[in-house]
Amino acid sequence: MADETIITTSKIGQRLDSIVKKEQVSFLMFDKAHIPLVSKITIGRDTSNDVVIDNKLASRHHAIIQKIKDDYFLKDMGSTNGTFLNGEKVPADKYVKLGHNDTITIGKTNLVIS
């Protein structure tokens, strides 16, 4: 008996297979680690953040990366020293769209979207 899944053996399964959305997973590269981008990632010095930056130039709750629809956005959370995207300062409390290979700089720490 052949081991076949519903996708290959039935019309319903074939239809389900054709409408499955293939979501491209993105990562945040930080200290040689690959952190999967999820719906919301908090970044800062405080240990309650998803990404903890051990740097005095980072605020306790410095920035967030938020998924909105199919894109990721960066928002500075009113940090003291600012958040930079590709060398440009991100306006406080404004969402900025992220792209592949963008570099987020917080203090002396770089985080790269891949």
PDB file of N, CA and C in Angstrom:
ATOM      1  N   MET A   1       0.837  -1.180   0.000  1.00  0.00           N
ATOM      2  CA  MET A   1       0.000   0.000   0.000  1.00  0.00           C
ATOM      3  C   MET A   1       0.886   1.249   0.000  1.00  0.00           C
ATOM      4  N   ALA A   2       0.611   2.123  -0.939  1.00  0.00           N
ATOM      5  CA  ALA A   2       1.404   3.349  -1.063  1.00  0.00           C
ATOM      6  C   ALA A   2       1.001   4.343   0.016  1.00  0.00           C
ATOM      7  N   ASP A   3       1.974   5.054   0.543  1.00  0.00           N
ATOM      8  CA  ASP A   3       1.714   6.068   1.563  1.00  0.00           C
ATOM      9  C   ASP A   3       1.536   7.419   0.866  1.00  0.00           C
ATOM     10  N   GLU A   4       0.277   7.818   0.674  1.00  0.00           N
ATOM     11  CA  GLU A   4      -0.015   9.072   0.002  1.00  0.00           C
ATOM     12  C   GLU A   4      -0.780   9.994   0.937  1.00  0.00           C
ATOM     13  N   THR A   5      -0.539  11.263   0.810  1.00  0.00           N
ATOM     14  CA  THR A   5      -1.244  12.224   1.653  1.00  0.00           C
ATOM     15  C   THR A   5      -2.530  12.662   0.961  1.00  0.00           C
ATOM     16  N   ILE A   6      -3.398  13.317   1.713  1.00  0.00           N
ATOM     17  CA  ILE A   6      -4.645  13.821   1.155  1.00  0.00           C
ATOM     18  C   ILE A   6      -4.375  14.816   0.029  1.00  0.00           C
ATOM     19  N   ILE A   7      -3.255  15.522   0.111  1.00  0.00           N
ATOM     20  CA  ILE A   7      -2.940  16.530  -0.899  1.00  0.00           C
ATOM     21  C   ILE A   7      -2.726  15.882  -2.261  1.00  0.00           C
ATOM     22  N   THR A   8      -2.132  14.730  -2.297  1.00  0.00           N
ATOM     23  CA  THR A   8      -1.849  14.106  -3.587  1.00  0.00           C
ATOM     24  C   THR A   8      -2.954  13.172  -4.055  1.00  0.00           C
ATOM     25  N   THR A   9      -3.893  12.827  -3.188  1.00  0.00           N
ATOM     26  CA  THR A   9      -4.881  11.823  -3.575  1.00  0.00           C
ATOM     27  C   THR A   9      -6.291  12.349  -3.780  1.00  0.00           C
ATOM     28  N   SER A  10      -6.601  13.540  -3.324  1.00  0.00           N
ATOM     29  CA  SER A  10      -7.972  14.023  -3.483  1.00  0.00           C
ATOM     30  C   SER A  10      -8.000  15.400  -4.119  1.00  0.00           C
ATOM     31  N   LYS A  11      -9.123  15.731  -4.745  1.00  0.00           N
ATOM     32  CA  LYS A  11      -9.271  17.055  -5.350  1.00  0.00           C
ATOM     33  C   LYS A  11      -9.264  18.141  -4.283  1.00  0.00           C
ATOM     34  N   ILE A  12      -9.852  17.870  -3.129  1.00  0.00           N
ATOM     35  CA  ILE A  12      -9.861  18.847  -2.037  1.00  0.00           C
ATOM     36  C   ILE A  12      -8.434  19.091  -1.558  1.00  0.00           C
ATOM     37  N   GLY A  13      -7.680  18.024  -1.382  1.00  0.00           N
ATOM     38  CA  GLY A  13      -6.295  18.162  -0.949  1.00  0.00           C
ATOM     39  C   GLY A  13      -5.453  18.932  -1.948  1.00  0.00           C
ATOM     40  N   GLN A  14      -5.657  18.672  -3.238  1.00  0.00           N
ATOM     41  CA  GLN A  14      -4.916  19.399  -4.268  1.00  0.00           C
ATOM     42  C   GLN A  14      -5.286  20.875  -4.258  1.00  0.00           C
ATOM     43  N   ARG A  15      -6.559  21.190  -4.026  1.00  0.00           N
ATOM     44  CA  ARG A  15      -6.996  22.591  -3.953  1.00  0.00           C
ATOM     45  C   ARG A  15      -6.365  23.277  -2.740  1.00  0.00           C
ATOM     46  N   LEU A  16      -6.356  22.612  -1.597  1.00  0.00           N
ATOM     47  CA  LEU A  16      -5.738  23.179  -0.404  1.00  0.00           C
ATOM     48  C   LEU A  16      -4.252  23.433  -0.629  1.00  0.00           C
ATOM     49  N   ASP A  17      -3.588  22.510  -1.286  1.00  0.00           N
ATOM     50  CA  ASP A  17      -2.167  22.668  -1.561  1.00  0.00           C
ATOM     51  C   ASP A  17      -1.908  23.869  -2.471  1.00  0.00           C
ATOM     52  N   SER A  18      -2.811  24.135  -3.409  1.00  0.00           N
ATOM     53  CA  SER A  18      -2.599  25.235  -4.344  1.00  0.00           C
ATOM     54  C   SER A  18      -2.844  26.601  -3.707  1.00  0.00           C
ATOM     55  N   ILE A  19      -3.620  26.677  -2.612  1.00  0.00           N
ATOM     56  CA  ILE A  19      -3.909  27.981  -2.009  1.00  0.00           C
ATOM     57  C   ILE A  19      -3.082  28.263  -0.765  1.00  0.00           C
ATOM     58  N   VAL A  20      -2.244  27.325  -0.377  1.00  0.00           N
ATOM     59  CA  VAL A  20      -1.382  27.550   0.783  1.00  0.00           C
ATOM     60  C   VAL A  20      -0.420  28.672   0.450  1.00  0.00           C
ATOM     61  N   LYS A  21      -0.371  29.670   1.313  1.00  0.00           N
ATOM     62  CA  LYS A  21       0.523  30.806   1.100  1.00  0.00           C
ATOM     63  C   LYS A  21       1.894  30.456   1.668  1.00  0.00           C
ATOM     64  N   LYS A  22       2.880  30.520   0.843  1.00  0.00           N
ATOM     65  CA  LYS A  22       4.254  30.263   1.272  1.00  0.00           C
ATOM     66  C   LYS A  22       4.818  31.542   1.855  1.00  0.00           C
ATOM     67  N   GLU A  23       4.905  31.624   3.176  1.00  0.00           N
ATOM     68  CA  GLU A  23       5.396  32.837   3.835  1.00  0.00           C
ATOM     69  C   GLU A  23       6.904  32.784   3.949  1.00  0.00           C
ATOM     70  N   GLN A  24       7.544  33.837   3.493  1.00  0.00           N
ATOM     71  CA  GLN A  24       8.990  33.924   3.588  1.00  0.00           C
ATOM     72  C   GLN A  24       9.355  34.367   4.998  1.00  0.00           C
ATOM     73  N   VAL A  25      10.134  33.556   5.656  1.00  0.00           N
ATOM     74  CA  VAL A  25      10.536  33.870   7.022  1.00  0.00           C
ATOM     75  C   VAL A  25      11.752  34.762   6.979  1.00  0.00           C
ATOM     76  N   SER A  26      11.718  35.841   7.752  1.00  0.00           N
ATOM     77  CA  SER A  26      12.851  36.745   7.843  1.00  0.00           C
ATOM     78  C   SER A  26      13.488  36.610   9.212  1.00  0.00           C
ATOM     79  N   PHE A  27      14.732  36.996   9.291  1.00  0.00           N
ATOM     80  CA  PHE A  27      15.487  36.879  10.529  1.00  0.00           C
ATOM     81  C   PHE A  27      16.134  38.199  10.879  1.00  0.00           C
ATOM     82  N   LEU A  28      16.374  38.368  12.156  1.00  0.00           N
ATOM     83  CA  LEU A  28      17.151  39.471  12.675  1.00  0.00           C
ATOM     84  C   LEU A  28      18.476  38.873  13.117  1.00  0.00           C
ATOM     85  N   MET A  29      19.583  39.299  12.507  1.00  0.00           N
ATOM     86  CA  MET A  29      20.897  38.767  12.863  1.00  0.00           C
ATOM     87  C   MET A  29      21.515  39.677  13.908  1.00  0.00           C
ATOM     88  N   PHE A  30      21.907  39.068  15.026  1.00  0.00           N
ATOM     89  CA  PHE A  30      22.408  39.825  16.172  1.00  0.00           C
ATOM     90  C   PHE A  30      23.388  38.952  16.928  1.00  0.00           C
ATOM     91  N   ASP A  31      24.621  39.391  17.084  1.00  0.00           N
ATOM     92  CA  ASP A  31      25.658  38.632  17.783  1.00  0.00           C
ATOM     93  C   ASP A  31      25.755  37.191  17.287  1.00  0.00           C
ATOM     94  N   LYS A  32      25.804  37.026  15.983  1.00  0.00           N
ATOM     95  CA  LYS A  32      25.938  35.720  15.330  1.00  0.00           C
ATOM     96  C   LYS A  32      24.734  34.812  15.550  1.00  0.00           C
ATOM     97  N   ALA A  33      23.618  35.360  16.028  1.00  0.00           N
ATOM     98  CA  ALA A  33      22.394  34.586  16.215  1.00  0.00           C
ATOM     99  C   ALA A  33      21.369  35.008  15.174  1.00  0.00           C
ATOM    100  N   HIS A  34      20.538  34.061  14.756  1.00  0.00           N
ATOM    101  CA  HIS A  34      19.440  34.344  13.837  1.00  0.00           C
ATOM    102  C   HIS A  34      18.142  34.280  14.643  1.00  0.00           C
ATOM    103  N   ILE A  35      17.502  35.425  14.816  1.00  0.00           N
ATOM    104  CA  ILE A  35      16.258  35.497  15.583  1.00  0.00           C
ATOM    105  C   ILE A  35      15.122  35.629  14.580  1.00  0.00           C
ATOM    106  N   PRO A  36      14.192  34.654  14.541  1.00  0.00           N
ATOM    107  CA  PRO A  36      13.074  34.756  13.596  1.00  0.00           C
ATOM    108  C   PRO A  36      12.218  35.980  13.898  1.00  0.00           C
ATOM    109  N   LEU A  37      11.842  36.689  12.839  1.00  0.00           N
ATOM    110  CA  LEU A  37      10.952  37.832  13.013  1.00  0.00           C
ATOM    111  C   LEU A  37       9.528  37.306  13.163  1.00  0.00           C
ATOM    112  N   VAL A  38       8.916  37.682  14.276  1.00  0.00           N
ATOM    113  CA  VAL A  38       7.533  37.296  14.551  1.00  0.00           C
ATOM    114  C   VAL A  38       6.685  38.559  14.541  1.00  0.00           C
ATOM    115  N   SER A  39       5.469  38.481  15.032  1.00  0.00           N
ATOM    116  CA  SER A  39       4.569  39.627  14.931  1.00  0.00           C
ATOM    117  C   SER A  39       5.079  40.865  15.656  1.00  0.00           C
ATOM    118  N   LYS A  40       5.802  40.683  16.760  1.00  0.00           N
ATOM    119  CA  LYS A  40       6.333  41.841  17.487  1.00  0.00           C
ATOM    120  C   LYS A  40       7.581  41.420  18.258  1.00  0.00           C
ATOM    121  N   ILE A  41       8.653  42.204  18.106  1.00  0.00           N
ATOM    122  CA  ILE A  41       9.900  41.957  18.827  1.00  0.00           C
ATOM    123  C   ILE A  41      10.290  43.246  19.532  1.00  0.00           C
ATOM    124  N   THR A  42      10.515  43.145  20.831  1.00  0.00           N
ATOM    125  CA  THR A  42      10.959  44.305  21.597  1.00  0.00           C
ATOM    126  C   THR A  42      12.479  44.264  21.725  1.00  0.00           C
ATOM    127  N   ILE A  43      13.092  45.446  21.679  1.00  0.00           N
ATOM    128  CA  ILE A  43      14.551  45.557  21.727  1.00  0.00           C
ATOM    129  C   ILE A  43      14.914  46.594  22.785  1.00  0.00           C
ATOM    130  N   GLY A  44      15.878  46.261  23.630  1.00  0.00           N
ATOM    131  CA  GLY A  44      16.332  47.219  24.628  1.00  0.00           C
ATOM    132  C   GLY A  44      17.274  46.599  25.632  1.00  0.00           C
ATOM    133  N   ARG A  45      17.657  47.391  26.631  1.00  0.00           N
ATOM    134  CA  ARG A  45      18.616  46.964  27.650  1.00  0.00           C
ATOM    135  C   ARG A  45      17.965  46.100  28.729  1.00  0.00           C
ATOM    136  N   ASP A  46      16.681  46.305  28.990  1.00  0.00           N
ATOM    137  CA  ASP A  46      15.981  45.569  30.036  1.00  0.00           C
ATOM    138  C   ASP A  46      15.849  44.089  29.658  1.00  0.00           C
ATOM    139  N   THR A  47      15.989  43.205  30.633  1.00  0.00           N
ATOM    140  CA  THR A  47      15.936  41.761  30.366  1.00  0.00           C
ATOM    141  C   THR A  47      14.551  41.265  29.963  1.00  0.00           C
ATOM    142  N   SER A  48      13.527  42.094  30.084  1.00  0.00           N
ATOM    143  CA  SER A  48      12.185  41.682  29.666  1.00  0.00           C
ATOM    144  C   SER A  48      11.998  41.778  28.146  1.00  0.00           C
ATOM    145  N   ASN A  49      12.953  42.360  27.431  1.00  0.00           N
ATOM    146  CA  ASN A  49      12.865  42.489  25.974  1.00  0.00           C
ATOM    147  C   ASN A  49      13.164  41.168  25.286  1.00  0.00           C
ATOM    148  N   ASP A  50      12.658  41.018  24.057  1.00  0.00           N
ATOM    149  CA  ASP A  50      12.953  39.828  23.258  1.00  0.00           C
ATOM    150  C   ASP A  50      14.422  39.808  22.829  1.00  0.00           C
ATOM    151  N   VAL A  51      14.955  40.984  22.480  1.00  0.00           N
ATOM    152  CA  VAL A  51      16.372  41.132  22.139  1.00  0.00           C
ATOM    153  C   VAL A  51      16.976  42.088  23.155  1.00  0.00           C
ATOM    154  N   VAL A  52      17.883  41.560  23.974  1.00  0.00           N
ATOM    155  CA  VAL A  52      18.515  42.363  25.026  1.00  0.00           C
ATOM    156  C   VAL A  52      19.867  42.855  24.526  1.00  0.00           C
ATOM    157  N   ILE A  53      20.048  44.181  24.570  1.00  0.00           N
ATOM    158  CA  ILE A  53      21.299  44.805  24.147  1.00  0.00           C
ATOM    159  C   ILE A  53      22.019  45.297  25.387  1.00  0.00           C
ATOM    160  N   ASP A  54      23.152  44.685  25.670  1.00  0.00           N
ATOM    161  CA  ASP A  54      23.940  45.042  26.839  1.00  0.00           C
ATOM    162  C   ASP A  54      24.875  46.188  26.470  1.00  0.00           C
ATOM    163  N   ASN A  55      24.311  47.391  26.466  1.00  0.00           N
ATOM    164  CA  ASN A  55      25.042  48.575  26.042  1.00  0.00           C
ATOM    165  C   ASN A  55      24.408  49.776  26.727  1.00  0.00           C
ATOM    166  N   LYS A  56      25.218  50.597  27.365  1.00  0.00           N
ATOM    167  CA  LYS A  56      24.685  51.741  28.110  1.00  0.00           C
ATOM    168  C   LYS A  56      24.018  52.768  27.210  1.00  0.00           C
ATOM    169  N   LEU A  57      24.288  52.745  25.913  1.00  0.00           N
ATOM    170  CA  LEU A  57      23.647  53.669  24.984  1.00  0.00           C
ATOM    171  C   LEU A  57      22.242  53.215  24.582  1.00  0.00           C
ATOM    172  N   ALA A  58      21.875  52.004  24.944  1.00  0.00           N
ATOM    173  CA  ALA A  58      20.533  51.492  24.661  1.00  0.00           C
ATOM    174  C   ALA A  58      19.616  51.807  25.837  1.00  0.00           C
ATOM    175  N   SER A  59      18.407  52.255  25.526  1.00  0.00           N
ATOM    176  CA  SER A  59      17.413  52.505  26.565  1.00  0.00           C
ATOM    177  C   SER A  59      16.833  51.177  27.038  1.00  0.00           C
ATOM    178  N   ARG A  60      16.189  51.204  28.204  1.00  0.00           N
ATOM    179  CA  ARG A  60      15.600  49.967  28.735  1.00  0.00           C
ATOM    180  C   ARG A  60      14.597  49.369  27.754  1.00  0.00           C
ATOM    181  N   HIS A  61      13.757  50.182  27.176  1.00  0.00           N
ATOM    182  CA  HIS A  61      12.799  49.759  26.148  1.00  0.00           C
ATOM    183  C   HIS A  61      13.032  50.678  24.954  1.00  0.00           C
ATOM    184  N   HIS A  62      13.923  50.265  24.088  1.00  0.00           N
ATOM    185  CA  HIS A  62      14.483  51.139  23.053  1.00  0.00           C
ATOM    186  C   HIS A  62      13.634  51.196  21.778  1.00  0.00           C
ATOM    187  N   ALA A  63      13.313  50.036  21.216  1.00  0.00           N
ATOM    188  CA  ALA A  63      12.616  50.000  19.929  1.00  0.00           C
ATOM    189  C   ALA A  63      11.811  48.710  19.810  1.00  0.00           C
ATOM    190  N   ILE A  64      10.925  48.676  18.804  1.00  0.00           N
ATOM    191  CA  ILE A  64      10.199  47.445  18.493  1.00  0.00           C
ATOM    192  C   ILE A  64      10.231  47.217  16.990  1.00  0.00           C
ATOM    193  N   ILE A  65      10.137  45.948  16.619  1.00  0.00           N
ATOM    194  CA  ILE A  65       9.902  45.562  15.231  1.00  0.00           C
ATOM    195  C   ILE A  65       8.524  44.934  15.222  1.00  0.00           C
ATOM    196  N   GLN A  66       7.647  45.464  14.387  1.00  0.00           N
ATOM    197  CA  GLN A  66       6.249  45.047  14.356  1.00  0.00           C
ATOM    198  C   GLN A  66       5.888  44.587  12.950  1.00  0.00           C
ATOM    199  N   LYS A  67       5.194  43.449  12.856  1.00  0.00           N
ATOM    200  CA  LYS A  67       4.709  42.996  11.560  1.00  0.00           C
ATOM    201  C   LYS A  67       3.327  43.597  11.349  1.00  0.00           C
ATOM    202  N   ILE A  68       3.168  44.286  10.228  1.00  0.00           N
ATOM    203  CA  ILE A  68       1.881  44.859   9.854  1.00  0.00           C
ATOM    204  C   ILE A  68       1.579  44.350   8.450  1.00  0.00           C
ATOM    205  N   LYS A  69       0.516  43.580   8.344  1.00  0.00           N
ATOM    206  CA  LYS A  69       0.164  42.854   7.120  1.00  0.00           C
ATOM    207  C   LYS A  69       1.332  41.963   6.738  1.00  0.00           C
ATOM    208  N   ASP A  70       1.958  42.182   5.595  1.00  0.00           N
ATOM    209  CA  ASP A  70       3.049  41.310   5.154  1.00  0.00           C
ATOM    210  C   ASP A  70       4.424  41.945   5.277  1.00  0.00           C
ATOM    211  N   ASP A  71       4.507  43.102   5.937  1.00  0.00           N
ATOM    212  CA  ASP A  71       5.776  43.807   6.043  1.00  0.00           C
ATOM    213  C   ASP A  71       6.167  44.017   7.498  1.00  0.00           C
ATOM    214  N   TYR A  72       7.450  44.259   7.715  1.00  0.00           N
ATOM    215  CA  TYR A  72       7.971  44.544   9.054  1.00  0.00           C
ATOM    216  C   TYR A  72       8.346  46.018   9.149  1.00  0.00           C
ATOM    217  N   PHE A  73       8.064  46.591  10.323  1.00  0.00           N
ATOM    218  CA  PHE A  73       8.324  48.007  10.556  1.00  0.00           C
ATOM    219  C   PHE A  73       9.093  48.170  11.860  1.00  0.00           C
ATOM    220  N   LEU A  74       9.938  49.197  11.890  1.00  0.00           N
ATOM    221  CA  LEU A  74      10.737  49.535  13.061  1.00  0.00           C
ATOM    222  C   LEU A  74      10.159  50.802  13.681  1.00  0.00           C
ATOM    223  N   LYS A  75      10.089  50.817  15.006  1.00  0.00           N
ATOM    224  CA  LYS A  75       9.595  52.001  15.722  1.00  0.00           C
ATOM    225  C   LYS A  75      10.498  52.262  16.918  1.00  0.00           C
ATOM    226  N   ASP A  76      11.008  53.493  17.010  1.00  0.00           N
ATOM    227  CA  ASP A  76      11.773  53.921  18.177  1.00  0.00           C
ATOM    228  C   ASP A  76      10.771  54.228  19.286  1.00  0.00           C
ATOM    229  N   MET A  77      11.029  53.743  20.476  1.00  0.00           N
ATOM    230  CA  MET A  77      10.091  53.908  21.585  1.00  0.00           C
ATOM    231  C   MET A  77      10.444  55.112  22.465  1.00  0.00           C
ATOM    232  N   GLY A  78      10.901  56.185  21.842  1.00  0.00           N
ATOM    233  CA  GLY A  78      11.266  57.382  22.599  1.00  0.00           C
ATOM    234  C   GLY A  78      12.576  57.224  23.343  1.00  0.00           C
ATOM    235  N   SER A  79      13.505  56.501  22.736  1.00  0.00           N
ATOM    236  CA  SER A  79      14.799  56.239  23.375  1.00  0.00           C
ATOM    237  C   SER A  79      15.599  57.524  23.537  1.00  0.00           C
ATOM    238  N   THR A  80      16.518  57.504  24.486  1.00  0.00           N
ATOM    239  CA  THR A  80      17.359  58.667  24.755  1.00  0.00           C
ATOM    240  C   THR A  80      18.333  58.954  23.620  1.00  0.00           C
ATOM    241  N   ASN A  81      18.986  57.924  23.099  1.00  0.00           N
ATOM    242  CA  ASN A  81      20.033  58.115  22.091  1.00  0.00           C
ATOM    243  C   ASN A  81      19.597  57.825  20.669  1.00  0.00           C
ATOM    244  N   GLY A  82      18.355  57.451  20.467  1.00  0.00           N
ATOM    245  CA  GLY A  82      17.825  57.237  19.127  1.00  0.00           C
ATOM    246  C   GLY A  82      18.117  55.869  18.548  1.00  0.00           C
ATOM    247  N   THR A  83      17.356  55.555  17.502  1.00  0.00           N
ATOM    248  CA  THR A  83      17.502  54.329  16.737  1.00  0.00           C
ATOM    249  C   THR A  83      17.814  54.739  15.308  1.00  0.00           C
ATOM    250  N   PHE A  84      18.752  54.040  14.682  1.00  0.00           N
ATOM    251  CA  PHE A  84      19.165  54.387  13.331  1.00  0.00           C
ATOM    252  C   PHE A  84      18.903  53.223  12.393  1.00  0.00           C
ATOM    253  N   LEU A  85      18.389  53.551  11.216  1.00  0.00           N
ATOM    254  CA  LEU A  85      18.157  52.556  10.173  1.00  0.00           C
ATOM    255  C   LEU A  85      19.008  52.955   8.978  1.00  0.00           C
ATOM    256  N   ASN A  86      19.981  52.120   8.655  1.00  0.00           N
ATOM    257  CA  ASN A  86      20.920  52.393   7.557  1.00  0.00           C
ATOM    258  C   ASN A  86      21.566  53.772   7.705  1.00  0.00           C
ATOM    259  N   GLY A  87      21.910  54.128   8.940  1.00  0.00           N
ATOM    260  CA  GLY A  87      22.605  55.378   9.210  1.00  0.00           C
ATOM    261  C   GLY A  87      21.713  56.596   9.386  1.00  0.00           C
ATOM    262  N   GLU A  88      20.414  56.455   9.131  1.00  0.00           N
ATOM    263  CA  GLU A  88      19.472  57.567   9.274  1.00  0.00           C
ATOM    264  C   GLU A  88      18.676  57.410  10.566  1.00  0.00           C
ATOM    265  N   LYS A  89      18.530  58.502  11.321  1.00  0.00           N
ATOM    266  CA  LYS A  89      17.805  58.448  12.577  1.00  0.00           C
ATOM    267  C   LYS A  89      16.314  58.219  12.320  1.00  0.00           C
ATOM    268  N   VAL A  90      15.750  57.263  13.060  1.00  0.00           N
ATOM    269  CA  VAL A  90      14.326  56.959  12.966  1.00  0.00           C
ATOM    270  C   VAL A  90      13.575  57.956  13.846  1.00  0.00           C
ATOM    271  N   PRO A  91      12.567  58.656  13.300  1.00  0.00           N
ATOM    272  CA  PRO A  91      11.792  59.592  14.126  1.00  0.00           C
ATOM    273  C   PRO A  91      11.105  58.852  15.275  1.00  0.00           C
ATOM    274  N   ALA A  92      11.101  59.463  16.450  1.00  0.00           N
ATOM    275  CA  ALA A  92      10.464  58.844  17.619  1.00  0.00           C
ATOM    276  C   ALA A  92       8.983  58.609  17.343  1.00  0.00           C
ATOM    277  N   ASP A  93       8.506  57.453  17.763  1.00  0.00           N
ATOM    278  CA  ASP A  93       7.093  57.064  17.660  1.00  0.00           C
ATOM    279  C   ASP A  93       6.558  57.038  16.232  1.00  0.00           C
ATOM    280  N   LYS A  94       7.425  56.827  15.243  1.00  0.00           N
ATOM    281  CA  LYS A  94       7.003  56.663  13.849  1.00  0.00           C
ATOM    282  C   LYS A  94       7.462  55.295  13.361  1.00  0.00           C
ATOM    283  N   TYR A  95       6.612  54.629  12.582  1.00  0.00           N
ATOM    284  CA  TYR A  95       6.968  53.342  12.003  1.00  0.00           C
ATOM    285  C   TYR A  95       7.718  53.558  10.690  1.00  0.00           C
ATOM    286  N   VAL A  96       8.841  52.827  10.523  1.00  0.00           N
ATOM    287  CA  VAL A  96       9.643  52.880   9.312  1.00  0.00           C
ATOM    288  C   VAL A  96       9.723  51.460   8.758  1.00  0.00           C
ATOM    289  N   LYS A  97       9.396  51.309   7.479  1.00  0.00           N
ATOM    290  CA  LYS A  97       9.379  49.989   6.846  1.00  0.00           C
ATOM    291  C   LYS A  97      10.789  49.424   6.724  1.00  0.00           C
ATOM    292  N   LEU A  98      10.926  48.144   7.042  1.00  0.00           N
ATOM    293  CA  LEU A  98      12.211  47.455   6.951  1.00  0.00           C
ATOM    294  C   LEU A  98      12.293  46.662   5.658  1.00  0.00           C
ATOM    295  N   GLY A  99      13.499  46.554   5.129  1.00  0.00           N
ATOM    296  CA  GLY A  99      13.745  45.763   3.941  1.00  0.00           C
ATOM    297  C   GLY A  99      14.898  44.790   4.161  1.00  0.00           C
ATOM    298  N   HIS A 100      15.090  43.915   3.204  1.00  0.00           N
ATOM    299  CA  HIS A 100      16.156  42.921   3.264  1.00  0.00           C
ATOM    300  C   HIS A 100      17.516  43.613   3.349  1.00  0.00           C
ATOM    301  N   ASN A 101      18.354  43.163   4.243  1.00  0.00           N
ATOM    302  CA  ASN A 101      19.712  43.679   4.488  1.00  0.00           C
ATOM    303  C   ASN A 101      19.751  45.063   5.132  1.00  0.00           C
ATOM    304  N   ASP A 102      18.623  45.550   5.637  1.00  0.00           N
ATOM    305  CA  ASP A 102      18.648  46.808   6.389  1.00  0.00           C
ATOM    306  C   ASP A 102      19.414  46.604   7.686  1.00  0.00           C
ATOM    307  N   THR A 103      20.117  47.648   8.120  1.00  0.00           N
ATOM    308  CA  THR A 103      20.882  47.597   9.359  1.00  0.00           C
ATOM    309  C   THR A 103      20.282  48.553  10.371  1.00  0.00           C
ATOM    310  N   ILE A 104      19.905  48.005  11.522  1.00  0.00           N
ATOM    311  CA  ILE A 104      19.383  48.787  12.636  1.00  0.00           C
ATOM    312  C   ILE A 104      20.541  48.984  13.601  1.00  0.00           C
ATOM    313  N   THR A 105      20.786  50.245  13.987  1.00  0.00           N
ATOM    314  CA  THR A 105      21.868  50.542  14.922  1.00  0.00           C
ATOM    315  C   THR A 105      21.284  51.126  16.191  1.00  0.00           C
ATOM    316  N   ILE A 106      21.609  50.474  17.299  1.00  0.00           N
ATOM    317  CA  ILE A 106      21.205  50.936  18.631  1.00  0.00           C
ATOM    318  C   ILE A 106      22.479  51.016  19.450  1.00  0.00           C
ATOM    319  N   GLY A 107      22.858  52.240  19.821  1.00  0.00           N
ATOM    320  CA  GLY A 107      24.141  52.425  20.488  1.00  0.00           C
ATOM    321  C   GLY A 107      25.252  52.008  19.559  1.00  0.00           C
ATOM    322  N   LYS A 108      26.076  51.072  19.998  1.00  0.00           N
ATOM    323  CA  LYS A 108      27.161  50.565  19.170  1.00  0.00           C
ATOM    324  C   LYS A 108      26.840  49.189  18.598  1.00  0.00           C
ATOM    325  N   THR A 109      25.579  48.792  18.694  1.00  0.00           N
ATOM    326  CA  THR A 109      25.155  47.467  18.270  1.00  0.00           C
ATOM    327  C   THR A 109      24.403  47.542  16.944  1.00  0.00           C
ATOM    328  N   ASN A 110      24.784  46.675  15.998  1.00  0.00           N
ATOM    329  CA  ASN A 110      24.096  46.579  14.718  1.00  0.00           C
ATOM    330  C   ASN A 110      23.279  45.304  14.653  1.00  0.00           C
ATOM    331  N   LEU A 111      22.059  45.435  14.160  1.00  0.00           N
ATOM    332  CA  LEU A 111      21.174  44.301  13.935  1.00  0.00           C
ATOM    333  C   LEU A 111      20.800  44.339  12.461  1.00  0.00           C
ATOM    334  N   VAL A 112      20.900  43.208  11.756  1.00  0.00           N
ATOM    335  CA  VAL A 112      20.682  43.172  10.317  1.00  0.00           C
ATOM    336  C   VAL A 112      19.469  42.302  10.003  1.00  0.00           C
ATOM    337  N   ILE A 113      18.597  42.839   9.124  1.00  0.00           N
ATOM    338  CA  ILE A 113      17.430  42.084   8.655  1.00  0.00           C
ATOM    339  C   ILE A 113      17.883  41.221   7.491  1.00  0.00           C
ATOM    340  N   SER A 114      17.590  39.921   7.571  1.00  0.00           N
ATOM    341  CA  SER A 114      17.987  39.032   6.461  1.00  0.00           C
ATOM    342  C   SER A 114      16.837  38.127   6.084  1.00  0.00           C
TER     343      SER A 114
END
